[in-house]
Amino acid sequence: MATRTPLISGNWKMHHNHFEALATVQKLNYLLGEEEDLQVEVSVHAPFTDLRTLQTAIEQDKMPIVLGAQHCHWEEKGAFTGEVSPAMLAKLNVRYVIVGHSERRELFGESDEWVNKKVLAILAHGMVPIMCCGETLDERDAGQTDAKVAGQVRAGLEGVSPAQVGGLVIAYEPIWAIGTGRTASAEDAQATCAVVRRTVAEVAGEDAAASVRIQYGGSVKPANAAELMAQPDIDGALVGGASLDAADFAGIVRH
């Protein structure tokens, strides 16, 4: 069985200017520095305006924290006002880029086709996508969770080689749990993450399915992190609101 290092990612969304981001990452670094043997990988995904500041701090202080981004376009350059290209992120030594977050899909109309283009572009620039999938409350109540999630995974991985699939991250984040305070039970989260892994096996083979890391996202907090991440198919967490506070985020990392 493949060994999968858990990845705990903090998605700061549209919060923290670069001063606040720096203070948060410095406090997080201090808190994580108390851990003698950190068994997980930690990434922070700040707004674009914060990335250069965080890159400098993380690299200068050799923090046990990896720089991530929340979004990008799939083109390398062009007339796309307001967008940021994967090439620009790569120059900042960004390692992980969130793709297809529920808010991007629901609020900005990102399609499965766009998500797939971004996945391919991020990989082409040497970074790792955190590809999100998840269902709405109506879809959940209608018993459509498995079909919705499997369809998103298949579409997002179109044209990605099995070796590349094995190295990326997929985040299951039920849309109904984002920012609501509601969270899937550990059993429900595990069941859907198992669907993700089975779908990866169908698309890219058993080796890729054994290697791909699957996060759970949706109101993850220090109180529920340990139970969620004890599940066999959950390899970390995509954390929203709780990651804005360094102490709470460190508590999740130390689950």
Protein backbone atom coordinates (compact mmCIF):
# COMPACT_ATOMS: atom_id res chain seq x y z
CA MET A 1 0.00 0.00 0.00
CA ALA A 2 1.36 3.46 -0.89
CA THR A 3 2.43 5.76 1.92
CA ARG A 4 0.54 9.05 1.66
CA THR A 5 1.81 12.01 3.65
CA PRO A 6 -1.25 13.93 4.86
CA LEU A 7 -1.66 17.45 3.46
CA ILE A 8 -3.37 20.08 5.60
CA SER A 9 -4.18 23.16 3.50
CA GLY A 10 -5.43 26.50 4.77
CA ASN A 11 -7.64 28.36 2.28
CA TRP A 12 -7.78 31.96 3.43
CA LYS A 13 -10.22 32.93 0.65
CA MET A 14 -10.69 36.73 0.45
CA HIS A 15 -9.25 37.37 3.90
CA HIS A 16 -5.94 38.79 5.19
CA ASN A 17 -4.04 41.62 3.56
CA HIS A 18 -0.30 41.03 3.27
CA PHE A 19 0.41 42.40 6.76
CA GLU A 20 -2.20 40.12 8.33
CA ALA A 21 -1.03 37.17 6.23
CA LEU A 22 2.56 37.65 7.36
CA ALA A 23 1.56 37.84 11.02
CA THR A 24 -0.56 34.70 10.68
CA VAL A 25 2.11 32.64 8.98
CA GLN A 26 4.75 33.77 11.48
CA LYS A 27 2.56 32.72 14.39
CA LEU A 28 1.75 29.43 12.67
CA ASN A 29 5.47 28.83 12.13
CA TYR A 30 6.11 29.48 15.83
CA LEU A 31 3.37 27.07 16.89
CA LEU A 32 4.44 24.35 14.46
CA GLY A 33 8.05 24.80 15.51
CA GLU A 34 7.14 23.24 18.83
CA GLU A 35 6.52 19.97 17.01
CA GLU A 36 9.68 17.89 16.94
CA ASP A 37 8.53 15.53 14.22
CA LEU A 38 5.73 16.97 12.08
CA GLN A 39 4.07 14.05 10.26
CA VAL A 40 2.04 16.14 7.83
CA GLU A 41 2.63 18.66 5.06
CA VAL A 42 1.11 22.12 5.60
CA SER A 43 0.18 24.60 2.87
CA VAL A 44 -1.35 28.07 3.06
CA HIS A 45 -3.40 29.51 0.20
CA ALA A 46 -3.55 33.28 0.51
CA PRO A 47 -4.95 35.97 -1.81
CA PHE A 48 -2.72 36.86 -4.75
CA THR A 49 -1.65 40.15 -3.14
CA ASP A 50 -0.06 38.23 -0.24
CA LEU A 51 1.92 35.61 -2.13
CA ARG A 52 5.22 37.42 -2.64
CA THR A 53 5.31 38.50 1.02
CA LEU A 54 4.64 34.95 2.18
CA GLN A 55 7.14 33.45 -0.26
CA THR A 56 9.89 35.66 1.13
CA ALA A 57 9.05 34.90 4.76
CA ILE A 58 8.66 31.15 4.26
CA GLU A 59 11.94 30.84 2.36
CA GLN A 60 14.02 33.17 4.55
CA ASP A 61 12.89 31.59 7.80
CA LYS A 62 12.83 28.03 6.41
CA MET A 63 9.30 27.55 7.67
CA PRO A 64 7.73 24.05 7.58
CA ILE A 65 4.98 25.57 5.45
CA VAL A 66 4.38 25.35 1.70
CA LEU A 67 3.06 28.23 -0.38
CA GLY A 68 -0.21 27.69 -2.22
CA ALA A 69 -2.58 29.69 -4.41
CA GLN A 70 -6.37 29.69 -4.54
CA HIS A 71 -6.97 29.89 -8.27
CA CYS A 72 -5.39 30.60 -11.66
CA HIS A 73 -6.22 30.87 -15.34
CA TRP A 74 -5.12 28.11 -17.69
CA GLU A 75 -3.41 30.35 -20.25
CA GLU A 76 0.21 31.39 -19.80
CA LYS A 77 -0.45 34.99 -20.79
CA GLY A 78 -3.01 37.06 -22.65
CA ALA A 79 -5.86 39.54 -22.51
CA PHE A 80 -7.55 38.16 -19.39
CA THR A 81 -7.96 41.19 -17.13
CA GLY A 82 -7.89 40.33 -13.46
CA GLU A 83 -6.58 36.79 -13.96
CA VAL A 84 -3.25 35.28 -12.89
CA SER A 85 -1.42 32.68 -14.96
CA PRO A 86 0.15 29.44 -13.73
CA ALA A 87 3.51 30.68 -15.03
CA MET A 88 3.28 33.68 -12.68
CA LEU A 89 2.53 31.44 -9.71
CA ALA A 90 5.37 29.08 -10.56
CA LYS A 91 7.80 32.03 -10.48
CA LEU A 92 6.77 32.59 -6.83
CA ASN A 93 7.60 28.96 -5.99
CA VAL A 94 3.94 28.15 -5.40
CA ARG A 95 3.61 24.38 -5.02
CA TYR A 96 -0.15 23.78 -4.71
CA VAL A 97 -3.01 25.50 -6.56
CA ILE A 98 -6.66 24.97 -5.62
CA VAL A 99 -8.78 24.19 -8.69
CA GLY A 100 -12.57 24.04 -8.98
CA HIS A 101 -13.35 25.12 -5.44
CA SER A 102 -17.08 25.04 -4.80
CA GLU A 103 -17.20 28.82 -4.54
CA ARG A 104 -15.50 29.17 -7.92
CA ARG A 105 -17.96 26.70 -9.44
CA GLU A 106 -21.08 28.11 -7.79
CA LEU A 107 -20.35 31.85 -7.79
CA PHE A 108 -18.20 32.25 -10.89
CA GLY A 109 -19.58 29.55 -13.14
CA GLU A 110 -16.43 27.46 -13.50
CA SER A 111 -17.25 24.36 -15.51
CA ASP A 112 -15.70 20.90 -15.44
CA GLU A 113 -14.02 21.80 -18.75
CA TRP A 114 -12.37 24.87 -17.21
CA VAL A 115 -11.28 22.85 -14.20
CA ASN A 116 -9.64 20.30 -16.48
CA LYS A 117 -7.82 23.01 -18.44
CA LYS A 118 -6.48 24.44 -15.20
CA VAL A 119 -5.37 21.03 -13.92
CA LEU A 120 -3.39 20.44 -17.11
CA ALA A 121 -1.86 23.94 -17.06
CA ILE A 122 -0.83 23.70 -13.41
CA LEU A 123 0.84 20.36 -13.99
CA ALA A 124 2.60 21.71 -17.08
CA HIS A 125 4.21 24.39 -14.91
CA GLY A 126 5.50 21.94 -12.31
CA MET A 127 2.91 22.63 -9.62
CA VAL A 128 0.32 20.36 -8.03
CA PRO A 129 -3.43 20.90 -8.38
CA ILE A 130 -5.73 20.46 -5.41
CA MET A 131 -8.76 19.55 -7.51
CA CYS A 132 -12.05 20.03 -5.68
CA CYS A 133 -15.29 18.10 -6.06
CA GLY A 134 -18.53 18.04 -4.13
CA GLU A 135 -22.31 18.07 -4.21
CA THR A 136 -25.04 20.55 -3.30
CA LEU A 137 -27.59 19.87 -0.56
CA ASP A 138 -30.29 19.15 -3.17
CA GLU A 139 -28.03 16.63 -4.89
CA ARG A 140 -27.20 15.02 -1.56
CA ASP A 141 -30.87 14.75 -0.58
CA ALA A 142 -31.65 13.22 -3.99
CA GLY A 143 -29.01 10.52 -3.51
CA GLN A 144 -26.84 11.91 -6.28
CA THR A 145 -23.63 12.45 -4.30
CA ASP A 146 -21.67 9.53 -5.72
CA ALA A 147 -22.63 10.25 -9.33
CA LYS A 148 -21.89 13.98 -9.02
CA VAL A 149 -18.50 13.49 -7.39
CA ALA A 150 -17.41 10.69 -9.70
CA GLY A 151 -18.41 12.75 -12.74
CA GLN A 152 -16.39 15.74 -11.55
CA VAL A 153 -13.35 13.57 -10.90
CA ARG A 154 -13.51 11.93 -14.33
CA ALA A 155 -13.92 15.26 -16.10
CA GLY A 156 -11.14 16.93 -14.13
CA LEU A 157 -8.65 14.16 -14.88
CA GLU A 158 -9.29 14.03 -18.64
CA GLY A 159 -5.94 13.86 -20.43
CA VAL A 160 -3.88 13.57 -17.23
CA SER A 161 -1.41 10.67 -17.28
CA PRO A 162 -1.66 7.96 -14.59
CA ALA A 163 1.72 9.03 -13.17
CA GLN A 164 0.52 12.62 -12.88
CA VAL A 165 -2.78 11.55 -11.31
CA GLY A 166 -0.91 9.65 -8.61
CA GLY A 167 0.93 12.81 -7.60
CA LEU A 168 -1.95 15.22 -7.34
CA VAL A 169 -4.45 16.05 -4.60
CA ILE A 170 -8.25 15.77 -4.79
CA ALA A 171 -10.38 17.56 -2.20
CA TYR A 172 -13.90 16.37 -1.46
CA GLU A 173 -15.72 19.40 -0.12
CA PRO A 174 -19.51 19.09 -0.02
CA ILE A 175 -20.93 22.44 -1.10
CA TRP A 176 -23.58 22.28 1.63
CA ALA A 177 -20.86 22.24 4.31
CA ILE A 178 -18.84 25.25 3.12
CA GLY A 179 -19.15 28.13 5.56
CA THR A 180 -22.30 26.73 7.16
CA GLY A 181 -20.82 25.20 10.28
CA ARG A 182 -22.21 21.86 9.13
CA THR A 183 -19.82 19.06 8.39
CA ALA A 184 -20.19 15.56 7.03
CA SER A 185 -19.86 12.83 9.60
CA ALA A 186 -16.56 11.00 9.50
CA GLU A 187 -18.39 7.99 8.08
CA ASP A 188 -20.09 9.98 5.33
CA ALA A 189 -16.87 11.79 4.44
CA GLN A 190 -15.01 8.49 4.27
CA ALA A 191 -17.68 6.92 2.07
CA THR A 192 -17.47 9.72 -0.50
CA CYS A 193 -13.66 9.87 -0.39
CA ALA A 194 -13.72 6.13 -1.11
CA VAL A 195 -15.86 6.91 -4.19
CA VAL A 196 -13.19 9.40 -5.27
CA ARG A 197 -10.45 6.78 -4.91
CA ARG A 198 -12.45 4.14 -6.78
CA THR A 199 -13.08 6.61 -9.59
CA VAL A 200 -9.37 7.41 -9.80
CA ALA A 201 -8.69 3.67 -10.06
CA GLU A 202 -11.15 3.40 -12.94
CA VAL A 203 -9.60 6.40 -14.72
CA ALA A 204 -5.89 5.97 -14.03
CA GLY A 205 -5.35 2.54 -12.46
CA GLU A 206 -4.83 1.08 -9.02
CA ASP A 207 -1.31 2.48 -8.52
CA ALA A 208 -2.52 6.04 -9.09
CA ALA A 209 -5.49 5.46 -6.79
CA ALA A 210 -3.19 4.19 -4.04
CA SER A 211 -0.93 7.24 -4.34
CA VAL A 212 -3.36 10.13 -4.86
CA ARG A 213 -4.03 12.15 -1.72
CA ILE A 214 -7.67 12.93 -0.91
CA GLN A 215 -8.55 15.79 1.41
CA TYR A 216 -11.84 16.48 3.12
CA GLY A 217 -13.03 20.09 3.23
CA GLY A 218 -16.10 21.61 4.85
CA SER A 219 -16.13 23.20 8.32
CA VAL A 220 -13.05 21.32 9.50
CA LYS A 221 -12.12 22.41 13.04
CA PRO A 222 -9.73 21.26 15.78
CA ALA A 223 -12.64 19.41 17.41
CA ASN A 224 -13.43 17.18 14.42
CA ALA A 225 -10.09 16.98 12.58
CA ALA A 226 -8.75 13.87 14.29
CA GLU A 227 -11.86 11.78 13.62
CA LEU A 228 -12.03 12.88 9.99
CA MET A 229 -8.38 12.23 9.26
CA ALA A 230 -8.41 8.85 10.96
CA GLN A 231 -10.48 7.54 8.05
CA PRO A 232 -8.57 5.30 5.62
CA ASP A 233 -9.32 7.31 2.48
CA ILE A 234 -8.89 10.79 3.97
CA ASP A 235 -5.33 12.06 3.62
CA GLY A 236 -5.68 15.56 4.99
CA ALA A 237 -7.97 18.55 5.07
CA LEU A 238 -8.79 21.66 3.07
CA VAL A 239 -9.53 24.11 5.87
CA GLY A 240 -11.41 27.37 5.42
CA GLY A 241 -12.41 29.60 8.31
CA ALA A 242 -10.44 27.74 10.99
CA SER A 243 -7.20 28.32 9.08
CA LEU A 244 -7.49 32.10 9.47
CA ASP A 245 -6.52 31.75 13.13
CA ALA A 246 -3.01 30.37 13.55
CA ALA A 247 -3.80 28.64 16.85
CA ASP A 248 -6.88 26.88 15.44
CA PHE A 249 -5.03 25.88 12.30
CA ALA A 250 -2.10 24.55 14.31
CA GLY A 251 -4.58 22.56 16.38
CA ILE A 252 -5.87 20.90 13.20
CA VAL A 253 -2.34 20.19 12.00
CA ARG A 254 -1.51 18.56 15.36
CA HIS A 255 -4.65 16.41 15.25
